[in-house]
Structure formats: structure tokens, C-alpha cells
Amino acid sequence: MGDLPDDQKTGSLAKEKQEISSGGLEAPALKEVGKEGELPPEVTGAGVQMHPTNVPLPQPVQQLGVKQVGTTAVQQPASVTLPLSDDQIAKGLHQSITSSWRWLAEWCMRKLKQIKKIIKK
């Protein structure tokens, strides 16, 4: 073991001190691709087709009153009307597990968690 150079010995710190060369590895340039782009010839040759992102509604559907909604439509959180107030829920959670009051309060808590709301303490 004495005849090996320091950088080839196991357990030496010389390995950790060596600089790591990038070895020609370079991050490829990223290009922004829009929603609508062209497919490469290899892909279209395989039978893949590009479908439009906006589909026009047929006339009979429009006559029924259906309106087209864009992709920017934001869904508002649902409002829930609970049978108990915050104070009643808090009291109900401290009831016995055999009490229906407790389970109604638990159900209310579940609904509040589904819409990501909390009760006031």
C-alpha cells in the first residue's frame, strides 16, 4: 500500500479535492413552445394529427343556450350552507361519539375541509 500515490489510496481526501470537469456536458438550449405548434414530419408520418384547442359548438347546442367557456375561466370556490354555526360545531366536536350531535359536527367539519375553510375558534 505504501507504493501507491496519495490520490489513488482509498479513504484519502485527495479524491474529494479534485475538480470535476464538465466533460463537455452543456445544458441544451430551451425553446419556448406555444400551445399551437407544428408536428415534426416523423410524428405526422406515424399518423398523429394536431387537433385545434378551441372546438366550435354546433348550432343546435348553441340554440339550447350552451355557451363556450375559455381556458381562462376561473372556478369560484363553492359556498356551503351548513346546518350548524361555528360555535355549535365546536361544541358538537366535544360530545360523546354516540351522540348524533357529534356526528353532525364531524360532517360539517368534513364539508369545511373539502372547501378548505376553517372555523373560528
PDB file of N, CA and C in Angstrom:
ATOM      1  N   MET A   1       0.801  -1.189   0.000  1.00  0.00           N
ATOM      2  CA  MET A   1       0.000   0.000   0.000  1.00  0.00           C
ATOM      3  C   MET A   1       0.847   1.257   0.000  1.00  0.00           C
ATOM      4  N   GLY A   2       2.040   1.193   0.473  1.00  0.00           N
ATOM      5  CA  GLY A   2       2.899   2.355   0.568  1.00  0.00           C
ATOM      6  C   GLY A   2       3.381   2.845  -0.785  1.00  0.00           C
ATOM      7  N   ASP A   3       3.298   1.998  -1.859  1.00  0.00           N
ATOM      8  CA  ASP A   3       3.820   2.398  -3.149  1.00  0.00           C
ATOM      9  C   ASP A   3       2.797   3.116  -4.035  1.00  0.00           C
ATOM     10  N   LEU A   4       1.544   3.267  -3.590  1.00  0.00           N
ATOM     11  CA  LEU A   4       0.514   3.960  -4.368  1.00  0.00           C
ATOM     12  C   LEU A   4       0.590   5.467  -4.104  1.00  0.00           C
ATOM     13  N   PRO A   5       0.330   6.286  -5.130  1.00  0.00           N
ATOM     14  CA  PRO A   5       0.273   7.733  -4.894  1.00  0.00           C
ATOM     15  C   PRO A   5      -0.907   8.066  -3.988  1.00  0.00           C
ATOM     16  N   ASP A   6      -0.866   9.241  -3.375  1.00  0.00           N
ATOM     17  CA  ASP A   6      -1.891   9.636  -2.413  1.00  0.00           C
ATOM     18  C   ASP A   6      -3.278   9.702  -3.039  1.00  0.00           C
ATOM     19  N   ASP A   7      -3.384  10.112  -4.314  1.00  0.00           N
ATOM     20  CA  ASP A   7      -4.708  10.274  -4.910  1.00  0.00           C
ATOM     21  C   ASP A   7      -5.354   8.945  -5.277  1.00  0.00           C
ATOM     22  N   GLN A   8      -4.648   7.829  -5.219  1.00  0.00           N
ATOM     23  CA  GLN A   8      -5.235   6.533  -5.529  1.00  0.00           C
ATOM     24  C   GLN A   8      -5.499   5.697  -4.292  1.00  0.00           C
ATOM     25  N   LYS A   9      -5.096   6.167  -3.130  1.00  0.00           N
ATOM     26  CA  LYS A   9      -5.347   5.432  -1.895  1.00  0.00           C
ATOM     27  C   LYS A   9      -6.813   5.562  -1.515  1.00  0.00           C
ATOM     28  N   THR A  10      -7.360   4.516  -0.964  1.00  0.00           N
ATOM     29  CA  THR A  10      -8.742   4.590  -0.512  1.00  0.00           C
ATOM     30  C   THR A  10      -8.801   5.346   0.795  1.00  0.00           C
ATOM     31  N   GLY A  11      -9.813   6.120   0.949  1.00  0.00           N
ATOM     32  CA  GLY A  11     -10.001   6.852   2.188  1.00  0.00           C
ATOM     33  C   GLY A  11      -9.266   8.178   2.223  1.00  0.00           C
ATOM     34  N   SER A  12      -8.591   8.554   1.139  1.00  0.00           N
ATOM     35  CA  SER A  12      -7.894   9.838   1.163  1.00  0.00           C
ATOM     36  C   SER A  12      -8.855  10.953   0.755  1.00  0.00           C
ATOM     37  N   LEU A  13      -8.528  12.150   1.162  1.00  0.00           N
ATOM     38  CA  LEU A  13      -9.348  13.300   0.820  1.00  0.00           C
ATOM     39  C   LEU A  13      -8.973  13.877  -0.536  1.00  0.00           C
ATOM     40  N   ALA A  14      -7.936  13.337  -1.170  1.00  0.00           N
ATOM     41  CA  ALA A  14      -7.487  13.869  -2.450  1.00  0.00           C
ATOM     42  C   ALA A  14      -8.575  13.706  -3.521  1.00  0.00           C
ATOM     43  N   LYS A  15      -9.346  12.635  -3.436  1.00  0.00           N
ATOM     44  CA  LYS A  15     -10.411  12.412  -4.419  1.00  0.00           C
ATOM     45  C   LYS A  15     -11.477  13.489  -4.307  1.00  0.00           C
ATOM     46  N   GLU A  16     -11.731  13.923  -3.106  1.00  0.00           N
ATOM     47  CA  GLU A  16     -12.767  14.914  -2.902  1.00  0.00           C
ATOM     48  C   GLU A  16     -12.292  16.318  -3.265  1.00  0.00           C
ATOM     49  N   LYS A  17     -10.989  16.528  -3.299  1.00  0.00           N
ATOM     50  CA  LYS A  17     -10.452  17.838  -3.611  1.00  0.00           C
ATOM     51  C   LYS A  17     -10.262  18.041  -5.105  1.00  0.00           C
ATOM     52  N   GLN A  18     -10.345  16.979  -5.898  1.00  0.00           N
ATOM     53  CA  GLN A  18     -10.149  17.111  -7.334  1.00  0.00           C
ATOM     54  C   GLN A  18     -11.307  17.897  -7.947  1.00  0.00           C
ATOM     55  N   GLU A  19     -10.966  18.707  -8.932  1.00  0.00           N
ATOM     56  CA  GLU A  19     -12.002  19.451  -9.629  1.00  0.00           C
ATOM     57  C   GLU A  19     -12.699  18.528 -10.613  1.00  0.00           C
ATOM     58  N   ILE A  20     -13.955  18.724 -10.728  1.00  0.00           N
ATOM     59  CA  ILE A  20     -14.738  17.919 -11.656  1.00  0.00           C
ATOM     60  C   ILE A  20     -14.925  18.739 -12.914  1.00  0.00           C
ATOM     61  N   SER A  21     -14.480  18.195 -13.999  1.00  0.00           N
ATOM     62  CA  SER A  21     -14.655  18.914 -15.266  1.00  0.00           C
ATOM     63  C   SER A  21     -16.041  18.594 -15.812  1.00  0.00           C
ATOM     64  N   SER A  22     -16.566  19.541 -16.548  1.00  0.00           N
ATOM     65  CA  SER A  22     -17.912  19.349 -17.083  1.00  0.00           C
ATOM     66  C   SER A  22     -17.920  18.288 -18.160  1.00  0.00           C
ATOM     67  N   GLY A  23     -16.763  18.000 -18.761  1.00  0.00           N
ATOM     68  CA  GLY A  23     -16.687  16.932 -19.741  1.00  0.00           C
ATOM     69  C   GLY A  23     -17.493  17.243 -21.000  1.00  0.00           C
ATOM     70  N   GLY A  24     -17.657  18.515 -21.297  1.00  0.00           N
ATOM     71  CA  GLY A  24     -18.400  18.891 -22.491  1.00  0.00           C
ATOM     72  C   GLY A  24     -19.904  18.810 -22.300  1.00  0.00           C
ATOM     73  N   LEU A  25     -20.348  18.544 -21.077  1.00  0.00           N
ATOM     74  CA  LEU A  25     -21.787  18.498 -20.838  1.00  0.00           C
ATOM     75  C   LEU A  25     -22.304  19.912 -20.721  1.00  0.00           C
ATOM     76  N   GLU A  26     -23.237  20.234 -21.553  1.00  0.00           N
ATOM     77  CA  GLU A  26     -23.804  21.564 -21.532  1.00  0.00           C
ATOM     78  C   GLU A  26     -25.305  21.428 -21.608  1.00  0.00           C
ATOM     79  N   ALA A  27     -26.004  22.254 -20.871  1.00  0.00           N
ATOM     80  CA  ALA A  27     -27.461  22.194 -20.885  1.00  0.00           C
ATOM     81  C   ALA A  27     -27.956  22.602 -22.267  1.00  0.00           C
ATOM     82  N   PRO A  28     -28.857  21.815 -22.843  1.00  0.00           N
ATOM     83  CA  PRO A  28     -29.357  22.185 -24.164  1.00  0.00           C
ATOM     84  C   PRO A  28     -30.183  23.466 -24.074  1.00  0.00           C
ATOM     85  N   ALA A  29     -30.143  24.219 -25.131  1.00  0.00           N
ATOM     86  CA  ALA A  29     -30.903  25.465 -25.162  1.00  0.00           C
ATOM     87  C   ALA A  29     -32.385  25.137 -25.176  1.00  0.00           C
ATOM     88  N   LEU A  30     -33.132  25.816 -24.332  1.00  0.00           N
ATOM     89  CA  LEU A  30     -34.567  25.591 -24.266  1.00  0.00           C
ATOM     90  C   LEU A  30     -35.261  26.571 -25.180  1.00  0.00           C
ATOM     91  N   LYS A  31     -36.232  26.075 -25.904  1.00  0.00           N
ATOM     92  CA  LYS A  31     -37.004  26.982 -26.732  1.00  0.00           C
ATOM     93  C   LYS A  31     -38.454  26.907 -26.296  1.00  0.00           C
ATOM     94  N   GLU A  32     -39.091  28.041 -26.320  1.00  0.00           N
ATOM     95  CA  GLU A  32     -40.474  28.120 -25.879  1.00  0.00           C
ATOM     96  C   GLU A  32     -41.383  27.570 -26.969  1.00  0.00           C
ATOM     97  N   VAL A  33     -42.257  26.684 -26.545  1.00  0.00           N
ATOM     98  CA  VAL A  33     -43.190  26.086 -27.486  1.00  0.00           C
ATOM     99  C   VAL A  33     -44.571  26.580 -27.121  1.00  0.00           C
ATOM    100  N   GLY A  34     -45.247  27.152 -28.072  1.00  0.00           N
ATOM    101  CA  GLY A  34     -46.594  27.653 -27.830  1.00  0.00           C
ATOM    102  C   GLY A  34     -47.585  26.503 -27.768  1.00  0.00           C
ATOM    103  N   LYS A  35     -48.819  26.852 -27.488  1.00  0.00           N
ATOM    104  CA  LYS A  35     -49.849  25.823 -27.416  1.00  0.00           C
ATOM    105  C   LYS A  35     -50.066  25.193 -28.786  1.00  0.00           C
ATOM    106  N   GLU A  36     -49.996  26.011 -29.808  1.00  0.00           N
ATOM    107  CA  GLU A  36     -50.180  25.509 -31.158  1.00  0.00           C
ATOM    108  C   GLU A  36     -48.814  25.518 -31.832  1.00  0.00           C
ATOM    109  N   GLY A  37     -48.315  24.366 -32.170  1.00  0.00           N
ATOM    110  CA  GLY A  37     -47.041  24.255 -32.845  1.00  0.00           C
ATOM    111  C   GLY A  37     -47.163  23.243 -33.968  1.00  0.00           C
ATOM    112  N   GLU A  38     -46.138  23.162 -34.758  1.00  0.00           N
ATOM    113  CA  GLU A  38     -46.153  22.197 -35.852  1.00  0.00           C
ATOM    114  C   GLU A  38     -45.539  20.900 -35.374  1.00  0.00           C
ATOM    115  N   LEU A  39     -46.084  19.810 -35.878  1.00  0.00           N
ATOM    116  CA  LEU A  39     -45.558  18.496 -35.536  1.00  0.00           C
ATOM    117  C   LEU A  39     -44.418  18.150 -36.477  1.00  0.00           C
ATOM    118  N   PRO A  40     -43.394  17.482 -35.978  1.00  0.00           N
ATOM    119  CA  PRO A  40     -42.293  17.063 -36.850  1.00  0.00           C
ATOM    120  C   PRO A  40     -42.792  16.058 -37.895  1.00  0.00           C
ATOM    121  N   PRO A  41     -42.092  15.953 -39.020  1.00  0.00           N
ATOM    122  CA  PRO A  41     -42.525  15.034 -40.081  1.00  0.00           C
ATOM    123  C   PRO A  41     -42.573  13.573 -39.631  1.00  0.00           C
ATOM    124  N   GLU A  42     -41.685  13.200 -38.686  1.00  0.00           N
ATOM    125  CA  GLU A  42     -41.696  11.802 -38.213  1.00  0.00           C
ATOM    126  C   GLU A  42     -43.011  11.492 -37.501  1.00  0.00           C
ATOM    127  N   VAL A  43     -43.513  12.474 -36.770  1.00  0.00           N
ATOM    128  CA  VAL A  43     -44.735  12.274 -35.994  1.00  0.00           C
ATOM    129  C   VAL A  43     -45.943  12.237 -36.925  1.00  0.00           C
ATOM    130  N   THR A  44     -46.003  13.180 -37.866  1.00  0.00           N
ATOM    131  CA  THR A  44     -47.137  13.176 -38.798  1.00  0.00           C
ATOM    132  C   THR A  44     -47.101  11.957 -39.693  1.00  0.00           C
ATOM    133  N   GLY A  45     -45.903  11.458 -40.005  1.00  0.00           N
ATOM    134  CA  GLY A  45     -45.776  10.243 -40.818  1.00  0.00           C
ATOM    135  C   GLY A  45     -46.318   9.017 -40.098  1.00  0.00           C
ATOM    136  N   ALA A  46     -46.338   9.056 -38.762  1.00  0.00           N
ATOM    137  CA  ALA A  46     -46.860   7.935 -37.982  1.00  0.00           C
ATOM    138  C   ALA A  46     -48.374   7.999 -37.853  1.00  0.00           C
ATOM    139  N   GLY A  47     -48.993   9.064 -38.393  1.00  0.00           N
ATOM    140  CA  GLY A  47     -50.448   9.153 -38.365  1.00  0.00           C
ATOM    141  C   GLY A  47     -51.007  10.036 -37.263  1.00  0.00           C
ATOM    142  N   VAL A  48     -50.155  10.756 -36.547  1.00  0.00           N
ATOM    143  CA  VAL A  48     -50.621  11.634 -35.479  1.00  0.00           C
ATOM    144  C   VAL A  48     -51.097  12.944 -36.106  1.00  0.00           C
ATOM    145  N   GLN A  49     -52.248  13.425 -35.651  1.00  0.00           N
ATOM    146  CA  GLN A  49     -52.795  14.663 -36.187  1.00  0.00           C
ATOM    147  C   GLN A  49     -52.929  15.680 -35.062  1.00  0.00           C
ATOM    148  N   MET A  50     -52.781  16.944 -35.407  1.00  0.00           N
ATOM    149  CA  MET A  50     -52.947  18.027 -34.449  1.00  0.00           C
ATOM    150  C   MET A  50     -54.410  18.444 -34.459  1.00  0.00           C
ATOM    151  N   HIS A  51     -55.018  18.481 -33.276  1.00  0.00           N
ATOM    152  CA  HIS A  51     -56.397  18.925 -33.149  1.00  0.00           C
ATOM    153  C   HIS A  51     -56.404  20.345 -32.623  1.00  0.00           C
ATOM    154  N   PRO A  52     -57.347  21.161 -33.058  1.00  0.00           N
ATOM    155  CA  PRO A  52     -57.392  22.549 -32.565  1.00  0.00           C
ATOM    156  C   PRO A  52     -57.744  22.573 -31.080  1.00  0.00           C
ATOM    157  N   THR A  53     -57.236  23.595 -30.384  1.00  0.00           N
ATOM    158  CA  THR A  53     -57.516  23.685 -28.952  1.00  0.00           C
ATOM    159  C   THR A  53     -58.911  24.229 -28.696  1.00  0.00           C
ATOM    160  N   ASN A  54     -59.427  25.022 -29.611  1.00  0.00           N
ATOM    161  CA  ASN A  54     -60.789  25.546 -29.464  1.00  0.00           C
ATOM    162  C   ASN A  54     -61.705  24.815 -30.429  1.00  0.00           C
ATOM    163  N   VAL A  55     -62.728  24.203 -29.892  1.00  0.00           N
ATOM    164  CA  VAL A  55     -63.683  23.476 -30.708  1.00  0.00           C
ATOM    165  C   VAL A  55     -64.952  24.304 -30.802  1.00  0.00           C
ATOM    166  N   PRO A  56     -65.398  24.633 -32.019  1.00  0.00           N
ATOM    167  CA  PRO A  56     -66.631  25.412 -32.139  1.00  0.00           C
ATOM    168  C   PRO A  56     -67.844  24.559 -31.757  1.00  0.00           C
ATOM    169  N   LEU A  57     -68.787  25.197 -31.083  1.00  0.00           N
ATOM    170  CA  LEU A  57     -70.002  24.484 -30.681  1.00  0.00           C
ATOM    171  C   LEU A  57     -70.944  24.375 -31.874  1.00  0.00           C
ATOM    172  N   PRO A  58     -71.566  23.217 -32.058  1.00  0.00           N
ATOM    173  CA  PRO A  58     -72.532  23.077 -33.138  1.00  0.00           C
ATOM    174  C   PRO A  58     -73.741  23.993 -32.912  1.00  0.00           C
ATOM    175  N   GLN A  59     -74.401  24.374 -33.996  1.00  0.00           N
ATOM    176  CA  GLN A  59     -75.530  25.294 -33.933  1.00  0.00           C
ATOM    177  C   GLN A  59     -76.658  24.785 -33.027  1.00  0.00           C
ATOM    178  N   PRO A  60     -77.037  23.476 -33.090  1.00  0.00           N
ATOM    179  CA  PRO A  60     -78.123  23.016 -32.196  1.00  0.00           C
ATOM    180  C   PRO A  60     -77.770  23.157 -30.715  1.00  0.00           C
ATOM    181  N   VAL A  61     -76.515  22.979 -30.379  1.00  0.00           N
ATOM    182  CA  VAL A  61     -76.084  23.103 -28.987  1.00  0.00           C
ATOM    183  C   VAL A  61     -76.143  24.575 -28.562  1.00  0.00           C
ATOM    184  N   GLN A  62     -75.740  25.472 -29.438  1.00  0.00           N
ATOM    185  CA  GLN A  62     -75.807  26.895 -29.127  1.00  0.00           C
ATOM    186  C   GLN A  62     -77.252  27.351 -28.957  1.00  0.00           C
ATOM    187  N   GLN A  63     -78.169  26.780 -29.742  1.00  0.00           N
ATOM    188  CA  GLN A  63     -79.578  27.141 -29.638  1.00  0.00           C
ATOM    189  C   GLN A  63     -80.172  26.711 -28.299  1.00  0.00           C
ATOM    190  N   LEU A  64     -79.582  25.683 -27.686  1.00  0.00           N
ATOM    191  CA  LEU A  64     -80.050  25.229 -26.373  1.00  0.00           C
ATOM    192  C   LEU A  64     -79.573  26.147 -25.253  1.00  0.00           C
ATOM    193  N   GLY A  65     -78.707  27.089 -25.577  1.00  0.00           N
ATOM    194  CA  GLY A  65     -78.257  28.047 -24.575  1.00  0.00           C
ATOM    195  C   GLY A  65     -76.886  27.742 -24.001  1.00  0.00           C
ATOM    196  N   VAL A  66     -76.189  26.752 -24.561  1.00  0.00           N
ATOM    197  CA  VAL A  66     -74.850  26.421 -24.069  1.00  0.00           C
ATOM    198  C   VAL A  66     -73.875  27.441 -24.632  1.00  0.00           C
ATOM    199  N   LYS A  67     -73.041  28.001 -23.758  1.00  0.00           N
ATOM    200  CA  LYS A  67     -72.055  28.986 -24.174  1.00  0.00           C
ATOM    201  C   LYS A  67     -70.665  28.397 -24.020  1.00  0.00           C
ATOM    202  N   GLN A  68     -69.778  28.785 -24.916  1.00  0.00           N
ATOM    203  CA  GLN A  68     -68.414  28.289 -24.876  1.00  0.00           C
ATOM    204  C   GLN A  68     -67.648  28.995 -23.766  1.00  0.00           C
ATOM    205  N   VAL A  69     -66.885  28.238 -23.026  1.00  0.00           N
ATOM    206  CA  VAL A  69     -66.099  28.778 -21.929  1.00  0.00           C
ATOM    207  C   VAL A  69     -64.638  28.660 -22.321  1.00  0.00           C
ATOM    208  N   GLY A  70     -63.889  29.742 -22.136  1.00  0.00           N
ATOM    209  CA  GLY A  70     -62.474  29.739 -22.481  1.00  0.00           C
ATOM    210  C   GLY A  70     -61.652  29.004 -21.442  1.00  0.00           C
ATOM    211  N   THR A  71     -60.380  28.862 -21.736  1.00  0.00           N
ATOM    212  CA  THR A  71     -59.477  28.174 -20.811  1.00  0.00           C
ATOM    213  C   THR A  71     -59.124  29.042 -19.623  1.00  0.00           C
ATOM    214  N   THR A  72     -59.426  30.349 -19.687  1.00  0.00           N
ATOM    215  CA  THR A  72     -59.077  31.244 -18.596  1.00  0.00           C
ATOM    216  C   THR A  72     -60.188  31.346 -17.552  1.00  0.00           C
ATOM    217  N   ALA A  73     -61.246  30.586 -17.731  1.00  0.00           N
ATOM    218  CA  ALA A  73     -62.343  30.646 -16.768  1.00  0.00           C
ATOM    219  C   ALA A  73     -61.859  30.126 -15.420  1.00  0.00           C
ATOM    220  N   VAL A  74     -62.099  30.898 -14.388  1.00  0.00           N
ATOM    221  CA  VAL A  74     -61.678  30.516 -13.041  1.00  0.00           C
ATOM    222  C   VAL A  74     -62.910  30.076 -12.274  1.00  0.00           C
ATOM    223  N   GLN A  75     -62.788  28.933 -11.669  1.00  0.00           N
ATOM    224  CA  GLN A  75     -63.909  28.405 -10.904  1.00  0.00           C
ATOM    225  C   GLN A  75     -63.876  28.992  -9.499  1.00  0.00           C
ATOM    226  N   GLN A  76     -64.976  29.581  -9.103  1.00  0.00           N
ATOM    227  CA  GLN A  76     -65.066  30.142  -7.760  1.00  0.00           C
ATOM    228  C   GLN A  76     -65.315  29.012  -6.765  1.00  0.00           C
ATOM    229  N   PRO A  77     -64.740  29.102  -5.573  1.00  0.00           N
ATOM    230  CA  PRO A  77     -64.994  28.064  -4.583  1.00  0.00           C
ATOM    231  C   PRO A  77     -66.480  28.015  -4.230  1.00  0.00           C
ATOM    232  N   ALA A  78     -66.925  26.806  -4.066  1.00  0.00           N
ATOM    233  CA  ALA A  78     -68.337  26.621  -3.761  1.00  0.00           C
ATOM    234  C   ALA A  78     -68.642  27.139  -2.358  1.00  0.00           C
ATOM    235  N   SER A  79     -69.797  27.766  -2.229  1.00  0.00           N
ATOM    236  CA  SER A  79     -70.209  28.194  -0.899  1.00  0.00           C
ATOM    237  C   SER A  79     -71.120  27.116  -0.326  1.00  0.00           C
ATOM    238  N   VAL A  80     -70.942  26.847   0.923  1.00  0.00           N
ATOM    239  CA  VAL A  80     -71.690  25.788   1.580  1.00  0.00           C
ATOM    240  C   VAL A  80     -72.477  26.400   2.722  1.00  0.00           C
ATOM    241  N   THR A  81     -73.742  26.058   2.773  1.00  0.00           N
ATOM    242  CA  THR A  81     -74.569  26.485   3.894  1.00  0.00           C
ATOM    243  C   THR A  81     -74.690  25.293   4.833  1.00  0.00           C
ATOM    244  N   LEU A  82     -74.146  25.431   6.013  1.00  0.00           N
ATOM    245  CA  LEU A  82     -74.133  24.332   6.970  1.00  0.00           C
ATOM    246  C   LEU A  82     -75.288  24.477   7.953  1.00  0.00           C
ATOM    247  N   PRO A  83     -75.755  23.351   8.491  1.00  0.00           N
ATOM    248  CA  PRO A  83     -76.854  23.411   9.452  1.00  0.00           C
ATOM    249  C   PRO A  83     -76.425  23.918  10.832  1.00  0.00           C
ATOM    250  N   LEU A  84     -75.119  24.019  11.074  1.00  0.00           N
ATOM    251  CA  LEU A  84     -74.618  24.452  12.376  1.00  0.00           C
ATOM    252  C   LEU A  84     -73.723  25.674  12.224  1.00  0.00           C
ATOM    253  N   SER A  85     -73.700  26.504  13.248  1.00  0.00           N
ATOM    254  CA  SER A  85     -72.785  27.644  13.265  1.00  0.00           C
ATOM    255  C   SER A  85     -71.411  27.153  13.737  1.00  0.00           C
ATOM    256  N   ASP A  86     -70.419  28.037  13.664  1.00  0.00           N
ATOM    257  CA  ASP A  86     -69.071  27.676  14.104  1.00  0.00           C
ATOM    258  C   ASP A  86     -69.052  27.278  15.579  1.00  0.00           C
ATOM    259  N   ASP A  87     -69.785  28.013  16.405  1.00  0.00           N
ATOM    260  CA  ASP A  87     -69.823  27.702  17.840  1.00  0.00           C
ATOM    261  C   ASP A  87     -70.477  26.340  18.089  1.00  0.00           C
ATOM    262  N   GLN A  88     -71.545  26.057  17.364  1.00  0.00           N
ATOM    263  CA  GLN A  88     -72.228  24.772  17.539  1.00  0.00           C
ATOM    264  C   GLN A  88     -71.344  23.619  17.076  1.00  0.00           C
ATOM    265  N   ILE A  89     -70.579  23.834  16.011  1.00  0.00           N
ATOM    266  CA  ILE A  89     -69.664  22.789  15.540  1.00  0.00           C
ATOM    267  C   ILE A  89     -68.608  22.519  16.602  1.00  0.00           C
ATOM    268  N   ALA A  90     -68.040  23.585  17.173  1.00  0.00           N
ATOM    269  CA  ALA A  90     -67.005  23.427  18.197  1.00  0.00           C
ATOM    270  C   ALA A  90     -67.545  22.674  19.412  1.00  0.00           C
ATOM    271  N   LYS A  91     -68.777  22.980  19.827  1.00  0.00           N
ATOM    272  CA  LYS A  91     -69.374  22.265  20.968  1.00  0.00           C
ATOM    273  C   LYS A  91     -69.684  20.820  20.598  1.00  0.00           C
ATOM    274  N   GLY A  92     -70.150  20.614  19.375  1.00  0.00           N
ATOM    275  CA  GLY A  92     -70.503  19.264  18.939  1.00  0.00           C
ATOM    276  C   GLY A  92     -69.304  18.337  18.845  1.00  0.00           C
ATOM    277  N   LEU A  93     -68.144  18.873  18.532  1.00  0.00           N
ATOM    278  CA  LEU A  93     -66.938  18.053  18.433  1.00  0.00           C
ATOM    279  C   LEU A  93     -66.488  17.540  19.792  1.00  0.00           C
ATOM    280  N   HIS A  94     -66.980  18.140  20.871  1.00  0.00           N
ATOM    281  CA  HIS A  94     -66.616  17.698  22.219  1.00  0.00           C
ATOM    282  C   HIS A  94     -67.662  16.761  22.819  1.00  0.00           C
ATOM    283  N   GLN A  95     -68.667  16.397  22.061  1.00  0.00           N
ATOM    284  CA  GLN A  95     -69.705  15.488  22.548  1.00  0.00           C
ATOM    285  C   GLN A  95     -69.210  14.038  22.488  1.00  0.00           C
ATOM    286  N   SER A  96     -69.977  13.151  23.079  1.00  0.00           N
ATOM    287  CA  SER A  96     -69.656  11.724  23.063  1.00  0.00           C
ATOM    288  C   SER A  96     -69.769  11.186  21.640  1.00  0.00           C
ATOM    289  N   ILE A  97     -69.014  10.130  21.345  1.00  0.00           N
ATOM    290  CA  ILE A  97     -69.064   9.576  19.997  1.00  0.00           C
ATOM    291  C   ILE A  97     -70.393   8.885  19.698  1.00  0.00           C
ATOM    292  N   THR A  98     -71.199   8.644  20.700  1.00  0.00           N
ATOM    293  CA  THR A  98     -72.507   8.037  20.468  1.00  0.00           C
ATOM    294  C   THR A  98     -73.581   9.094  20.206  1.00  0.00           C
ATOM    295  N   SER A  99     -73.213  10.355  20.289  1.00  0.00           N
ATOM    296  CA  SER A  99     -74.164  11.439  20.114  1.00  0.00           C
ATOM    297  C   SER A  99     -74.293  11.796  18.634  1.00  0.00           C
ATOM    298  N   SER A 100     -75.520  11.971  18.170  1.00  0.00           N
ATOM    299  CA  SER A 100     -75.734  12.373  16.787  1.00  0.00           C
ATOM    300  C   SER A 100     -75.253  13.804  16.565  1.00  0.00           C
ATOM    301  N   TRP A 101     -75.283  14.605  17.616  1.00  0.00           N
ATOM    302  CA  TRP A 101     -74.785  15.976  17.556  1.00  0.00           C
ATOM    303  C   TRP A 101     -73.311  15.985  17.155  1.00  0.00           C
ATOM    304  N   ARG A 102     -72.555  15.041  17.724  1.00  0.00           N
ATOM    305  CA  ARG A 102     -71.124  14.924  17.413  1.00  0.00           C
ATOM    306  C   ARG A 102     -70.925  14.621  15.939  1.00  0.00           C
ATOM    307  N   TRP A 103     -71.704  13.693  15.401  1.00  0.00           N
ATOM    308  CA  TRP A 103     -71.510  13.272  14.023  1.00  0.00           C
ATOM    309  C   TRP A 103     -71.988  14.320  13.033  1.00  0.00           C
ATOM    310  N   LEU A 104     -72.965  15.110  13.413  1.00  0.00           N
ATOM    311  CA  LEU A 104     -73.364  16.227  12.570  1.00  0.00           C
ATOM    312  C   LEU A 104     -72.246  17.271  12.530  1.00  0.00           C
ATOM    313  N   ALA A 105     -71.606  17.506  13.663  1.00  0.00           N
ATOM    314  CA  ALA A 105     -70.480  18.437  13.722  1.00  0.00           C
ATOM    315  C   ALA A 105     -69.299  17.898  12.907  1.00  0.00           C
ATOM    316  N   GLU A 106     -69.048  16.599  12.968  1.00  0.00           N
ATOM    317  CA  GLU A 106     -67.974  15.983  12.181  1.00  0.00           C
ATOM    318  C   GLU A 106     -68.251  16.132  10.690  1.00  0.00           C
ATOM    319  N   TRP A 107     -69.520  15.944  10.302  1.00  0.00           N
ATOM    320  CA  TRP A 107     -69.899  16.078   8.900  1.00  0.00           C
ATOM    321  C   TRP A 107     -69.677  17.519   8.437  1.00  0.00           C
ATOM    322  N   CYS A 108     -70.033  18.474   9.285  1.00  0.00           N
ATOM    323  CA  CYS A 108     -69.824  19.883   8.950  1.00  0.00           C
ATOM    324  C   CYS A 108     -68.331  20.178   8.789  1.00  0.00           C
ATOM    325  N   MET A 109     -67.507  19.628   9.658  1.00  0.00           N
ATOM    326  CA  MET A 109     -66.064  19.826   9.563  1.00  0.00           C
ATOM    327  C   MET A 109     -65.530  19.239   8.250  1.00  0.00           C
ATOM    328  N   ARG A 110     -66.040  18.089   7.864  1.00  0.00           N
ATOM    329  CA  ARG A 110     -65.611  17.462   6.617  1.00  0.00           C
ATOM    330  C   ARG A 110     -65.947  18.349   5.432  1.00  0.00           C
ATOM    331  N   LYS A 111     -67.145  18.917   5.422  1.00  0.00           N
ATOM    332  CA  LYS A 111     -67.548  19.809   4.334  1.00  0.00           C
ATOM    333  C   LYS A 111     -66.666  21.058   4.309  1.00  0.00           C
ATOM    334  N   LEU A 112     -66.337  21.576   5.485  1.00  0.00           N
ATOM    335  CA  LEU A 112     -65.474  22.748   5.535  1.00  0.00           C
ATOM    336  C   LEU A 112     -64.073  22.428   5.019  1.00  0.00           C
ATOM    337  N   LYS A 113     -63.572  21.248   5.326  1.00  0.00           N
ATOM    338  CA  LYS A 113     -62.253  20.856   4.843  1.00  0.00           C
ATOM    339  C   LYS A 113     -62.260  20.667   3.332  1.00  0.00           C
ATOM    340  N   GLN A 114     -63.378  20.194   2.785  1.00  0.00           N
ATOM    341  CA  GLN A 114     -63.462  19.997   1.343  1.00  0.00           C
ATOM    342  C   GLN A 114     -63.375  21.315   0.592  1.00  0.00           C
ATOM    343  N   ILE A 115     -63.905  22.391   1.174  1.00  0.00           N
ATOM    344  CA  ILE A 115     -63.804  23.686   0.521  1.00  0.00           C
ATOM    345  C   ILE A 115     -62.668  24.517   1.107  1.00  0.00           C
ATOM    346  N   LYS A 116     -61.865  23.872   1.943  1.00  0.00           N
ATOM    347  CA  LYS A 116     -60.655  24.483   2.524  1.00  0.00           C
ATOM    348  C   LYS A 116     -60.978  25.731   3.346  1.00  0.00           C
ATOM    349  N   LYS A 117     -61.968  25.620   4.177  1.00  0.00           N
ATOM    350  CA  LYS A 117     -62.322  26.695   5.097  1.00  0.00           C
ATOM    351  C   LYS A 117     -62.103  26.168   6.528  1.00  0.00           C
ATOM    352  N   ILE A 118     -61.887  27.079   7.465  1.00  0.00           N
ATOM    353  CA  ILE A 118     -61.729  26.698   8.858  1.00  0.00           C
ATOM    354  C   ILE A 118     -62.756  27.450   9.687  1.00  0.00           C
ATOM    355  N   ILE A 119     -63.033  26.903  10.848  1.00  0.00           N
ATOM    356  CA  ILE A 119     -63.975  27.572  11.732  1.00  0.00           C
ATOM    357  C   ILE A 119     -63.229  28.497  12.672  1.00  0.00           C
ATOM    358  N   LYS A 120     -63.909  29.515  13.132  1.00  0.00           N
ATOM    359  CA  LYS A 120     -63.314  30.431  14.104  1.00  0.00           C
ATOM    360  C   LYS A 120     -63.344  29.760  15.463  1.00  0.00           C
ATOM    361  N   LYS A 121     -62.246  29.890  16.179  1.00  0.00           N
ATOM    362  CA  LYS A 121     -62.171  29.260  17.499  1.00  0.00           C
ATOM    363  C   LYS A 121     -62.739  30.179  18.535  1.00  0.00           C
TER     364      LYS A 121
END
